[in-house]
């Protein structure tokens, strides 16, 4: 587990694919940015308390968007502390109206709890994390409520799922809308004007070469736009891995029936692959077995991807 002090008393915690990375500002009134996945909350709590922060003392949680891997600890921590929670106005609308579809939770059959949003974040506003000032930048595409946080003084970017080093976050057009790819491209293009020395993404390690990461993201988006099969395959692969991470392990004979009971799998295969459910499942699982991404043990399947 990687923990870096990126500014005085502001720590970056690197997790994996199931749990988003998060940040802890250590003080008498601690502030958190993103809180992981609910099923792994005990590990999240341990990581936070190991930095000398007690959850009942937390004063504010900033959520970069409302997907389950970023807000999993919000309800529990708010119950313990009575803390404020800040979201972009679009995400606040999702939570205030208990819209578990737009948050992806019901669509992808994910575990999450609603919470009380107390602060609304707007594009361009400044938010203080202790003495450190960050600009809120609205970046829809992957998530309709997505934001990133930029500290111009230290040239640090908390990029959430808007920008990763070598890949792009999954694009769910059936929830985010048919313009989502173009929204994401516009959001990526907004980053090009920023002077950034270090990027802390929502998943993966910190990195410094923002120009290269932007180029890779734009190239992948252009391929998404040109090639329906590519975006469909990318979605099924990523969410299959995510499903196995959520399940920890699942009987091999149970996985396909489980997928057929979800909204996302049938709709995605209908949309991109003419409803050929079993063929697409077998194709992708065979690829995973060959690459070692998924393995068998005692009749069960599990993924080797870091949670």
C-alpha atoms as a PDB file:
ATOM      1  CA  UNK A   1       0.000   0.000   0.000  1.00  0.00           C
ATOM      2  CA  UNK A   2       1.577   3.301  -1.086  1.00  0.00           C
ATOM      3  CA  UNK A   3       1.193   6.342   1.151  1.00  0.00           C
ATOM      4  CA  UNK A   4       2.796   9.646   0.133  1.00  0.00           C
ATOM      5  CA  UNK A   5       2.704  13.031   1.850  1.00  0.00           C
ATOM      6  CA  UNK A   6       2.088  15.176  -1.222  1.00  0.00           C
ATOM      7  CA  UNK A   7       1.672  18.478   0.632  1.00  0.00           C
ATOM      8  CA  UNK A   8       2.134  19.230   4.320  1.00  0.00           C
ATOM      9  CA  UNK A   9      -0.178  16.827   6.195  1.00  0.00           C
ATOM     10  CA  UNK A  10      -2.011  15.842   2.975  1.00  0.00           C
ATOM     11  CA  UNK A  11      -1.468  12.165   2.227  1.00  0.00           C
ATOM     12  CA  UNK A  12      -2.170  10.173  -0.931  1.00  0.00           C
ATOM     13  CA  UNK A  13      -3.162   6.529  -0.407  1.00  0.00           C
ATOM     14  CA  UNK A  14      -2.872   4.228  -3.415  1.00  0.00           C
ATOM     15  CA  UNK A  15      -5.347   1.343  -3.438  1.00  0.00           C
ATOM     16  CA  UNK A  16      -6.195  -0.781  -6.488  1.00  0.00           C
ATOM     17  CA  UNK A  17      -8.910  -1.313  -9.087  1.00  0.00           C
ATOM     18  CA  UNK A  18     -11.881  -2.012  -6.816  1.00  0.00           C
ATOM     19  CA  UNK A  19     -11.040   0.722  -4.314  1.00  0.00           C
ATOM     20  CA  UNK A  20     -10.263   4.164  -5.636  1.00  0.00           C
ATOM     21  CA  UNK A  21      -7.209   5.968  -4.337  1.00  0.00           C
ATOM     22  CA  UNK A  22      -7.943   8.495  -1.643  1.00  0.00           C
ATOM     23  CA  UNK A  23      -6.468  11.362   0.313  1.00  0.00           C
ATOM     24  CA  UNK A  24      -6.263  12.223   3.996  1.00  0.00           C
ATOM     25  CA  UNK A  25      -5.574  15.694   5.353  1.00  0.00           C
ATOM     26  CA  UNK A  26      -4.322  15.172   8.910  1.00  0.00           C
ATOM     27  CA  UNK A  27      -5.309  17.855  11.408  1.00  0.00           C
ATOM     28  CA  UNK A  28      -7.640  18.463  14.358  1.00  0.00           C
ATOM     29  CA  UNK A  29     -10.422  18.674  11.748  1.00  0.00           C
ATOM     30  CA  UNK A  30      -9.378  16.055   9.179  1.00  0.00           C
ATOM     31  CA  UNK A  31     -10.536  16.176   5.559  1.00  0.00           C
ATOM     32  CA  UNK A  32     -10.866  13.169   3.260  1.00  0.00           C
ATOM     33  CA  UNK A  33     -11.061  12.958  -0.537  1.00  0.00           C
ATOM     34  CA  UNK A  34     -12.851   9.777  -1.714  1.00  0.00           C
ATOM     35  CA  UNK A  35     -13.421   6.826   0.608  1.00  0.00           C
ATOM     36  CA  UNK A  36     -13.075   3.557  -1.330  1.00  0.00           C
ATOM     37  CA  UNK A  37     -15.542   0.694  -1.743  1.00  0.00           C
ATOM     38  CA  UNK A  38     -17.961  -0.118   1.071  1.00  0.00           C
ATOM     39  CA  UNK A  39     -17.122  -3.832   1.335  1.00  0.00           C
ATOM     40  CA  UNK A  40     -13.465  -2.968   2.036  1.00  0.00           C
ATOM     41  CA  UNK A  41     -14.224  -0.225   4.532  1.00  0.00           C
ATOM     42  CA  UNK A  42     -12.357  -1.960   7.376  1.00  0.00           C
ATOM     43  CA  UNK A  43      -9.143  -1.633   5.339  1.00  0.00           C
ATOM     44  CA  UNK A  44      -9.979   1.989   4.492  1.00  0.00           C
ATOM     45  CA  UNK A  45     -10.480   2.764   8.192  1.00  0.00           C
ATOM     46  CA  UNK A  46      -7.183   1.097   9.080  1.00  0.00           C
ATOM     47  CA  UNK A  47      -5.286   3.103   6.464  1.00  0.00           C
ATOM     48  CA  UNK A  48      -6.804   6.368   7.685  1.00  0.00           C
ATOM     49  CA  UNK A  49      -6.258   5.689  11.395  1.00  0.00           C
ATOM     50  CA  UNK A  50      -2.680   4.583  10.745  1.00  0.00           C
ATOM     51  CA  UNK A  51      -2.041   8.187   9.684  1.00  0.00           C
ATOM     52  CA  UNK A  52      -3.173   9.383  13.099  1.00  0.00           C
ATOM     53  CA  UNK A  53      -6.692  10.400  12.063  1.00  0.00           C
ATOM     54  CA  UNK A  54      -9.727   9.276  14.042  1.00  0.00           C
ATOM     55  CA  UNK A  55     -12.909   8.901  11.997  1.00  0.00           C
ATOM     56  CA  UNK A  56     -15.143  10.678  14.581  1.00  0.00           C
ATOM     57  CA  UNK A  57     -12.964  13.781  14.091  1.00  0.00           C
ATOM     58  CA  UNK A  58     -13.425  13.990  10.294  1.00  0.00           C
ATOM     59  CA  UNK A  59     -14.904  17.375   9.366  1.00  0.00           C
ATOM     60  CA  UNK A  60     -15.317  17.069   5.588  1.00  0.00           C
ATOM     61  CA  UNK A  61     -15.366  14.490   2.800  1.00  0.00           C
ATOM     62  CA  UNK A  62     -14.893  15.683  -0.770  1.00  0.00           C
ATOM     63  CA  UNK A  63     -16.137  13.148  -3.312  1.00  0.00           C
ATOM     64  CA  UNK A  64     -14.811  13.457  -6.856  1.00  0.00           C
ATOM     65  CA  UNK A  65     -17.946  11.649  -8.132  1.00  0.00           C
ATOM     66  CA  UNK A  66     -20.603   9.251  -6.869  1.00  0.00           C
ATOM     67  CA  UNK A  67     -19.409   5.892  -8.257  1.00  0.00           C
ATOM     68  CA  UNK A  68     -19.301   3.185  -5.603  1.00  0.00           C
ATOM     69  CA  UNK A  69     -15.509   2.907  -5.443  1.00  0.00           C
ATOM     70  CA  UNK A  70     -15.213   6.578  -4.479  1.00  0.00           C
ATOM     71  CA  UNK A  71     -18.039   7.010  -1.933  1.00  0.00           C
ATOM     72  CA  UNK A  72     -18.096   3.652  -0.151  1.00  0.00           C
ATOM     73  CA  UNK A  73     -17.112   5.029   3.229  1.00  0.00           C
ATOM     74  CA  UNK A  74     -19.150   8.246   3.113  1.00  0.00           C
ATOM     75  CA  UNK A  75     -22.247   7.054   4.998  1.00  0.00           C
ATOM     76  CA  UNK A  76     -20.285   5.190   7.689  1.00  0.00           C
ATOM     77  CA  UNK A  77     -17.875   8.066   8.331  1.00  0.00           C
ATOM     78  CA  UNK A  78     -20.683  10.616   8.359  1.00  0.00           C
ATOM     79  CA  UNK A  79     -22.537   8.515  10.939  1.00  0.00           C
ATOM     80  CA  UNK A  80     -19.423   8.414  13.131  1.00  0.00           C
ATOM     81  CA  UNK A  81     -18.459  12.074  12.756  1.00  0.00           C
ATOM     82  CA  UNK A  82     -21.425  14.124  11.527  1.00  0.00           C
ATOM     83  CA  UNK A  83     -19.050  15.469   8.864  1.00  0.00           C
ATOM     84  CA  UNK A  84     -19.872  17.669   5.897  1.00  0.00           C
ATOM     85  CA  UNK A  85     -19.839  16.020   2.455  1.00  0.00           C
ATOM     86  CA  UNK A  86     -19.161  18.017  -0.707  1.00  0.00           C
ATOM     87  CA  UNK A  87     -20.103  17.009  -4.259  1.00  0.00           C
ATOM     88  CA  UNK A  88     -20.510  18.676  -7.622  1.00  0.00           C
ATOM     89  CA  UNK A  89     -24.085  19.882  -8.061  1.00  0.00           C
ATOM     90  CA  UNK A  90     -24.890  17.026 -10.479  1.00  0.00           C
ATOM     91  CA  UNK A  91     -23.724  14.411  -7.981  1.00  0.00           C
ATOM     92  CA  UNK A  92     -25.586  16.176  -5.212  1.00  0.00           C
ATOM     93  CA  UNK A  93     -28.758  15.878  -7.286  1.00  0.00           C
ATOM     94  CA  UNK A  94     -28.175  12.123  -7.681  1.00  0.00           C
ATOM     95  CA  UNK A  95     -27.726  11.634  -3.941  1.00  0.00           C
ATOM     96  CA  UNK A  96     -30.474  14.026  -2.840  1.00  0.00           C
ATOM     97  CA  UNK A  97     -32.975  12.244  -5.119  1.00  0.00           C
ATOM     98  CA  UNK A  98     -31.584   8.777  -4.241  1.00  0.00           C
ATOM     99  CA  UNK A  99     -30.874   8.061  -7.898  1.00  0.00           C
ATOM    100  CA  UNK A 100     -28.996   4.773  -7.724  1.00  0.00           C
ATOM    101  CA  UNK A 101     -29.095   4.402 -11.517  1.00  0.00           C
ATOM    102  CA  UNK A 102     -27.178   7.549 -12.465  1.00  0.00           C
ATOM    103  CA  UNK A 103     -24.606   6.677  -9.786  1.00  0.00           C
ATOM    104  CA  UNK A 104     -24.169   3.288 -11.568  1.00  0.00           C
ATOM    105  CA  UNK A 105     -24.902   1.319  -8.386  1.00  0.00           C
ATOM    106  CA  UNK A 106     -28.057  -0.449  -9.593  1.00  0.00           C
ATOM    107  CA  UNK A 107     -26.934  -0.671 -13.215  1.00  0.00           C
ATOM    108  CA  UNK A 108     -23.764  -2.551 -12.289  1.00  0.00           C
ATOM    109  CA  UNK A 109     -25.249  -4.294  -9.223  1.00  0.00           C
ATOM    110  CA  UNK A 110     -22.831  -2.572  -6.864  1.00  0.00           C
ATOM    111  CA  UNK A 111     -23.020  -2.141  -3.108  1.00  0.00           C
ATOM    112  CA  UNK A 112     -23.301   1.431  -1.813  1.00  0.00           C
ATOM    113  CA  UNK A 113     -25.171   3.555   0.756  1.00  0.00           C
ATOM    114  CA  UNK A 114     -26.753   6.976   0.380  1.00  0.00           C
ATOM    115  CA  UNK A 115     -25.533   9.805   2.605  1.00  0.00           C
ATOM    116  CA  UNK A 116     -26.301  13.467   3.249  1.00  0.00           C
ATOM    117  CA  UNK A 117     -24.665  16.029   0.977  1.00  0.00           C
ATOM    118  CA  UNK A 118     -24.114  19.360   2.718  1.00  0.00           C
ATOM    119  CA  UNK A 119     -21.963  21.315   0.259  1.00  0.00           C
ATOM    120  CA  UNK A 120     -22.360  21.907  -3.472  1.00  0.00           C
ATOM    121  CA  UNK A 121     -19.237  22.329  -5.592  1.00  0.00           C
ATOM    122  CA  UNK A 122     -19.230  24.437  -8.737  1.00  0.00           C
ATOM    123  CA  UNK A 123     -16.814  24.484 -11.647  1.00  0.00           C
ATOM    124  CA  UNK A 124     -14.023  26.981 -11.001  1.00  0.00           C
ATOM    125  CA  UNK A 125     -14.564  27.505  -7.288  1.00  0.00           C
ATOM    126  CA  UNK A 126     -11.727  27.220  -4.772  1.00  0.00           C
ATOM    127  CA  UNK A 127     -11.892  24.779  -1.902  1.00  0.00           C
ATOM    128  CA  UNK A 128      -9.531  24.733   1.068  1.00  0.00           C
ATOM    129  CA  UNK A 129      -7.968  21.526   2.308  1.00  0.00           C
ATOM    130  CA  UNK A 130      -6.333  22.932   5.390  1.00  0.00           C
ATOM    131  CA  UNK A 131      -3.952  25.640   4.120  1.00  0.00           C
ATOM    132  CA  UNK A 132      -3.909  24.150   0.622  1.00  0.00           C
ATOM    133  CA  UNK A 133      -6.166  25.750  -1.976  1.00  0.00           C
ATOM    134  CA  UNK A 134      -7.533  23.622  -4.791  1.00  0.00           C
ATOM    135  CA  UNK A 135      -9.586  24.685  -7.785  1.00  0.00           C
ATOM    136  CA  UNK A 136     -12.607  22.534  -8.617  1.00  0.00           C
ATOM    137  CA  UNK A 137     -12.718  21.658 -12.323  1.00  0.00           C
ATOM    138  CA  UNK A 138     -15.822  19.949 -13.692  1.00  0.00           C
ATOM    139  CA  UNK A 139     -14.924  17.034 -15.986  1.00  0.00           C
ATOM    140  CA  UNK A 140     -17.987  15.074 -17.154  1.00  0.00           C
ATOM    141  CA  UNK A 141     -17.639  12.074 -19.434  1.00  0.00           C
ATOM    142  CA  UNK A 142     -16.787   9.012 -17.391  1.00  0.00           C
ATOM    143  CA  UNK A 143     -19.159  10.359 -14.742  1.00  0.00           C
ATOM    144  CA  UNK A 144     -21.733  13.101 -15.211  1.00  0.00           C
ATOM    145  CA  UNK A 145     -20.721  14.575 -11.850  1.00  0.00           C
ATOM    146  CA  UNK A 146     -16.958  14.136 -12.182  1.00  0.00           C
ATOM    147  CA  UNK A 147     -14.547  16.738 -10.828  1.00  0.00           C
ATOM    148  CA  UNK A 148     -10.799  17.071 -10.492  1.00  0.00           C
ATOM    149  CA  UNK A 149      -8.881  19.258  -8.025  1.00  0.00           C
ATOM    150  CA  UNK A 150      -5.960  21.471  -9.045  1.00  0.00           C
ATOM    151  CA  UNK A 151      -3.430  23.219  -6.821  1.00  0.00           C
ATOM    152  CA  UNK A 152      -1.769  25.831  -9.037  1.00  0.00           C
ATOM    153  CA  UNK A 153       0.791  26.874  -6.421  1.00  0.00           C
ATOM    154  CA  UNK A 154       2.369  23.424  -6.139  1.00  0.00           C
ATOM    155  CA  UNK A 155       1.218  22.326  -9.614  1.00  0.00           C
ATOM    156  CA  UNK A 156      -0.530  19.231  -8.279  1.00  0.00           C
ATOM    157  CA  UNK A 157      -3.537  17.633  -9.950  1.00  0.00           C
ATOM    158  CA  UNK A 158      -5.909  15.209  -8.228  1.00  0.00           C
ATOM    159  CA  UNK A 159      -7.267  13.750 -11.455  1.00  0.00           C
ATOM    160  CA  UNK A 160      -9.675  11.092 -10.127  1.00  0.00           C
ATOM    161  CA  UNK A 161     -10.988   8.991 -13.051  1.00  0.00           C
ATOM    162  CA  UNK A 162     -10.660  11.782 -15.614  1.00  0.00           C
ATOM    163  CA  UNK A 163      -6.984  11.054 -16.284  1.00  0.00           C
ATOM    164  CA  UNK A 164      -4.986   7.897 -15.640  1.00  0.00           C
ATOM    165  CA  UNK A 165      -1.400   7.276 -16.668  1.00  0.00           C
ATOM    166  CA  UNK A 166      -1.803   4.487 -19.230  1.00  0.00           C
ATOM    167  CA  UNK A 167      -5.502   3.755 -19.626  1.00  0.00           C
ATOM    168  CA  UNK A 168      -8.949   5.340 -19.482  1.00  0.00           C
ATOM    169  CA  UNK A 169     -11.840   4.731 -17.124  1.00  0.00           C
ATOM    170  CA  UNK A 170     -14.800   2.730 -18.418  1.00  0.00           C
ATOM    171  CA  UNK A 171     -17.345   4.630 -20.497  1.00  0.00           C
ATOM    172  CA  UNK A 172     -20.988   3.721 -19.877  1.00  0.00           C
ATOM    173  CA  UNK A 173     -22.971   5.375 -22.646  1.00  0.00           C
ATOM    174  CA  UNK A 174     -26.197   3.620 -21.624  1.00  0.00           C
ATOM    175  CA  UNK A 175     -26.166   5.617 -18.362  1.00  0.00           C
ATOM    176  CA  UNK A 176     -24.073   8.669 -19.228  1.00  0.00           C
ATOM    177  CA  UNK A 177     -25.697   9.290 -22.611  1.00  0.00           C
ATOM    178  CA  UNK A 178     -24.653   9.172 -26.243  1.00  0.00           C
ATOM    179  CA  UNK A 179     -22.590  12.372 -25.887  1.00  0.00           C
ATOM    180  CA  UNK A 180     -20.437  10.980 -23.078  1.00  0.00           C
ATOM    181  CA  UNK A 181     -17.404  10.276 -25.290  1.00  0.00           C
ATOM    182  CA  UNK A 182     -17.406  13.849 -26.559  1.00  0.00           C
ATOM    183  CA  UNK A 183     -17.894  15.211 -23.035  1.00  0.00           C
ATOM    184  CA  UNK A 184     -14.891  13.173 -21.940  1.00  0.00           C
ATOM    185  CA  UNK A 185     -12.791  14.476 -24.819  1.00  0.00           C
ATOM    186  CA  UNK A 186     -13.678  18.069 -23.912  1.00  0.00           C
ATOM    187  CA  UNK A 187     -12.821  17.374 -20.263  1.00  0.00           C
ATOM    188  CA  UNK A 188      -9.417  15.945 -21.221  1.00  0.00           C
ATOM    189  CA  UNK A 189      -8.757  18.959 -23.445  1.00  0.00           C
ATOM    190  CA  UNK A 190      -9.406  21.279 -20.490  1.00  0.00           C
ATOM    191  CA  UNK A 191      -6.415  19.756 -18.731  1.00  0.00           C
ATOM    192  CA  UNK A 192      -4.014  20.771 -21.490  1.00  0.00           C
ATOM    193  CA  UNK A 193      -3.941  24.377 -20.298  1.00  0.00           C
ATOM    194  CA  UNK A 194      -2.932  23.464 -16.731  1.00  0.00           C
ATOM    195  CA  UNK A 195       0.643  23.703 -15.499  1.00  0.00           C
ATOM    196  CA  UNK A 196       1.075  20.379 -13.693  1.00  0.00           C
ATOM    197  CA  UNK A 197       4.148  18.688 -12.247  1.00  0.00           C
ATOM    198  CA  UNK A 198       2.510  15.728 -10.495  1.00  0.00           C
ATOM    199  CA  UNK A 199      -0.763  13.868 -11.053  1.00  0.00           C
ATOM    200  CA  UNK A 200      -2.542  11.728  -8.481  1.00  0.00           C
ATOM    201  CA  UNK A 201      -5.165   9.604 -10.287  1.00  0.00           C
ATOM    202  CA  UNK A 202      -8.242   7.786  -9.034  1.00  0.00           C
ATOM    203  CA  UNK A 203      -6.584   4.425  -9.741  1.00  0.00           C
ATOM    204  CA  UNK A 204      -2.928   3.631 -10.235  1.00  0.00           C
ATOM    205  CA  UNK A 205       0.313   5.215  -9.144  1.00  0.00           C
ATOM    206  CA  UNK A 206       1.135   8.941  -9.223  1.00  0.00           C
ATOM    207  CA  UNK A 207       2.860  10.153 -12.385  1.00  0.00           C
ATOM    208  CA  UNK A 208       4.406  13.272 -13.862  1.00  0.00           C
ATOM    209  CA  UNK A 209       4.131  13.065 -17.650  1.00  0.00           C
ATOM    210  CA  UNK A 210       0.702  14.603 -18.118  1.00  0.00           C
ATOM    211  CA  UNK A 211       1.274  15.304 -21.810  1.00  0.00           C
ATOM    212  CA  UNK A 212       1.782  11.597 -22.513  1.00  0.00           C
ATOM    213  CA  UNK A 213      -1.219  10.570 -20.400  1.00  0.00           C
ATOM    214  CA  UNK A 214      -3.463  13.061 -22.197  1.00  0.00           C
ATOM    215  CA  UNK A 215      -2.253  11.834 -25.579  1.00  0.00           C
ATOM    216  CA  UNK A 216      -3.026   8.219 -24.638  1.00  0.00           C
ATOM    217  CA  UNK A 217      -6.467   9.161 -23.318  1.00  0.00           C
ATOM    218  CA  UNK A 218      -7.336  11.137 -26.444  1.00  0.00           C
ATOM    219  CA  UNK A 219      -6.119   8.325 -28.687  1.00  0.00           C
ATOM    220  CA  UNK A 220      -8.300   5.813 -26.851  1.00  0.00           C
ATOM    221  CA  UNK A 221     -11.317   8.107 -26.969  1.00  0.00           C
ATOM    222  CA  UNK A 222     -10.904   8.526 -30.707  1.00  0.00           C
ATOM    223  CA  UNK A 223     -10.786   4.761 -31.088  1.00  0.00           C
ATOM    224  CA  UNK A 224     -13.938   4.477 -28.949  1.00  0.00           C
ATOM    225  CA  UNK A 225     -15.657   6.958 -31.253  1.00  0.00           C
ATOM    226  CA  UNK A 226     -14.584   5.084 -34.406  1.00  0.00           C
ATOM    227  CA  UNK A 227     -15.086   1.503 -33.247  1.00  0.00           C
ATOM    228  CA  UNK A 228     -18.237   0.345 -31.436  1.00  0.00           C
ATOM    229  CA  UNK A 229     -16.828  -3.151 -30.871  1.00  0.00           C
ATOM    230  CA  UNK A 230     -13.780  -1.690 -29.117  1.00  0.00           C
ATOM    231  CA  UNK A 231     -15.762   0.295 -26.585  1.00  0.00           C
ATOM    232  CA  UNK A 232     -18.134  -2.634 -25.982  1.00  0.00           C
ATOM    233  CA  UNK A 233     -15.301  -5.100 -25.412  1.00  0.00           C
ATOM    234  CA  UNK A 234     -13.468  -2.668 -23.146  1.00  0.00           C
ATOM    235  CA  UNK A 235     -16.573  -2.181 -21.016  1.00  0.00           C
ATOM    236  CA  UNK A 236     -17.341  -5.894 -20.664  1.00  0.00           C
ATOM    237  CA  UNK A 237     -13.737  -6.727 -19.769  1.00  0.00           C
ATOM    238  CA  UNK A 238     -13.414  -4.001 -17.158  1.00  0.00           C
ATOM    239  CA  UNK A 239     -16.748  -4.634 -15.481  1.00  0.00           C
ATOM    240  CA  UNK A 240     -16.205  -8.406 -15.478  1.00  0.00           C
ATOM    241  CA  UNK A 241     -12.962  -7.868 -13.566  1.00  0.00           C
ATOM    242  CA  UNK A 242     -14.713  -5.388 -11.284  1.00  0.00           C
ATOM    243  CA  UNK A 243     -17.485  -7.935 -10.653  1.00  0.00           C
ATOM    244  CA  UNK A 244     -14.963 -10.610  -9.679  1.00  0.00           C
ATOM    245  CA  UNK A 245     -13.260  -8.151  -7.333  1.00  0.00           C
ATOM    246  CA  UNK A 246     -16.604  -7.350  -5.693  1.00  0.00           C
ATOM    247  CA  UNK A 247     -17.415 -11.046  -5.337  1.00  0.00           C
ATOM    248  CA  UNK A 248     -13.868 -12.005  -4.199  1.00  0.00           C
ATOM    249  CA  UNK A 249     -14.600 -15.445  -5.694  1.00  0.00           C
ATOM    250  CA  UNK A 250     -17.584 -17.034  -7.418  1.00  0.00           C
ATOM    251  CA  UNK A 251     -18.396 -20.572  -8.495  1.00  0.00           C
ATOM    252  CA  UNK A 252     -17.526 -20.939 -12.174  1.00  0.00           C
ATOM    253  CA  UNK A 253     -20.978 -22.265 -13.022  1.00  0.00           C
ATOM    254  CA  UNK A 254     -22.617 -19.297 -11.264  1.00  0.00           C
ATOM    255  CA  UNK A 255     -20.877 -16.393 -12.990  1.00  0.00           C
ATOM    256  CA  UNK A 256     -22.666 -16.379 -16.337  1.00  0.00           C
ATOM    257  CA  UNK A 257     -26.165 -16.782 -14.773  1.00  0.00           C
ATOM    258  CA  UNK A 258     -25.293 -13.971 -12.357  1.00  0.00           C
ATOM    259  CA  UNK A 259     -24.294 -11.681 -15.240  1.00  0.00           C
ATOM    260  CA  UNK A 260     -27.515 -12.489 -17.075  1.00  0.00           C
ATOM    261  CA  UNK A 261     -29.447 -11.206 -14.053  1.00  0.00           C
ATOM    262  CA  UNK A 262     -27.715  -7.801 -14.145  1.00  0.00           C
ATOM    263  CA  UNK A 263     -28.827  -4.822 -16.182  1.00  0.00           C
ATOM    264  CA  UNK A 264     -25.407  -3.987 -17.560  1.00  0.00           C
ATOM    265  CA  UNK A 265     -24.336  -7.279 -19.112  1.00  0.00           C
ATOM    266  CA  UNK A 266     -27.420  -8.023 -21.173  1.00  0.00           C
ATOM    267  CA  UNK A 267     -27.868  -4.410 -22.241  1.00  0.00           C
ATOM    268  CA  UNK A 268     -24.215  -4.012 -23.227  1.00  0.00           C
ATOM    269  CA  UNK A 269     -24.192  -7.201 -25.294  1.00  0.00           C
ATOM    270  CA  UNK A 270     -27.516  -6.229 -26.866  1.00  0.00           C
ATOM    271  CA  UNK A 271     -26.196  -2.773 -27.713  1.00  0.00           C
ATOM    272  CA  UNK A 272     -22.770  -3.719 -29.072  1.00  0.00           C
ATOM    273  CA  UNK A 273     -22.879  -7.435 -29.963  1.00  0.00           C
ATOM    274  CA  UNK A 274     -26.405  -8.303 -31.147  1.00  0.00           C
ATOM    275  CA  UNK A 275     -27.412 -10.156 -28.000  1.00  0.00           C
ATOM    276  CA  UNK A 276     -24.826 -12.934 -28.359  1.00  0.00           C
ATOM    277  CA  UNK A 277     -24.466 -13.278 -24.590  1.00  0.00           C
ATOM    278  CA  UNK A 278     -22.810 -16.676 -24.202  1.00  0.00           C
ATOM    279  CA  UNK A 279     -20.472 -16.200 -27.148  1.00  0.00           C
ATOM    280  CA  UNK A 280     -19.216 -12.842 -25.836  1.00  0.00           C
ATOM    281  CA  UNK A 281     -18.837 -14.221 -22.320  1.00  0.00           C
ATOM    282  CA  UNK A 282     -16.836 -17.235 -23.513  1.00  0.00           C
ATOM    283  CA  UNK A 283     -14.659 -15.078 -25.779  1.00  0.00           C
ATOM    284  CA  UNK A 284     -13.667 -12.677 -23.030  1.00  0.00           C
ATOM    285  CA  UNK A 285     -13.248 -15.309 -20.312  1.00  0.00           C
ATOM    286  CA  UNK A 286     -10.973 -17.358 -22.585  1.00  0.00           C
ATOM    287  CA  UNK A 287      -8.845 -14.250 -23.117  1.00  0.00           C
ATOM    288  CA  UNK A 288      -8.704 -13.682 -19.355  1.00  0.00           C
ATOM    289  CA  UNK A 289      -7.633 -17.285 -18.685  1.00  0.00           C
ATOM    290  CA  UNK A 290      -4.897 -17.064 -21.332  1.00  0.00           C
ATOM    291  CA  UNK A 291      -3.554 -13.823 -19.855  1.00  0.00           C
ATOM    292  CA  UNK A 292      -3.847 -14.982 -16.239  1.00  0.00           C
ATOM    293  CA  UNK A 293      -6.254 -12.150 -15.396  1.00  0.00           C
ATOM    294  CA  UNK A 294      -8.762 -14.745 -14.146  1.00  0.00           C
ATOM    295  CA  UNK A 295      -7.843 -18.048 -12.548  1.00  0.00           C
ATOM    296  CA  UNK A 296      -9.680 -21.155 -11.328  1.00  0.00           C
ATOM    297  CA  UNK A 297      -9.377 -22.700  -7.878  1.00  0.00           C
ATOM    298  CA  UNK A 298     -11.558 -25.501  -6.482  1.00  0.00           C
ATOM    299  CA  UNK A 299     -14.326 -24.782  -8.973  1.00  0.00           C
ATOM    300  CA  UNK A 300     -14.344 -21.049  -8.301  1.00  0.00           C
ATOM    301  CA  UNK A 301     -13.105 -18.071 -10.279  1.00  0.00           C
ATOM    302  CA  UNK A 302     -11.096 -15.151  -8.993  1.00  0.00           C
ATOM    303  CA  UNK A 303      -9.124 -12.330 -10.559  1.00  0.00           C
ATOM    304  CA  UNK A 304      -5.449 -11.585 -10.020  1.00  0.00           C
ATOM    305  CA  UNK A 305      -6.069  -7.835 -10.357  1.00  0.00           C
ATOM    306  CA  UNK A 306      -5.258  -5.836  -7.226  1.00  0.00           C
ATOM    307  CA  UNK A 307      -8.443  -4.781  -5.401  1.00  0.00           C
END
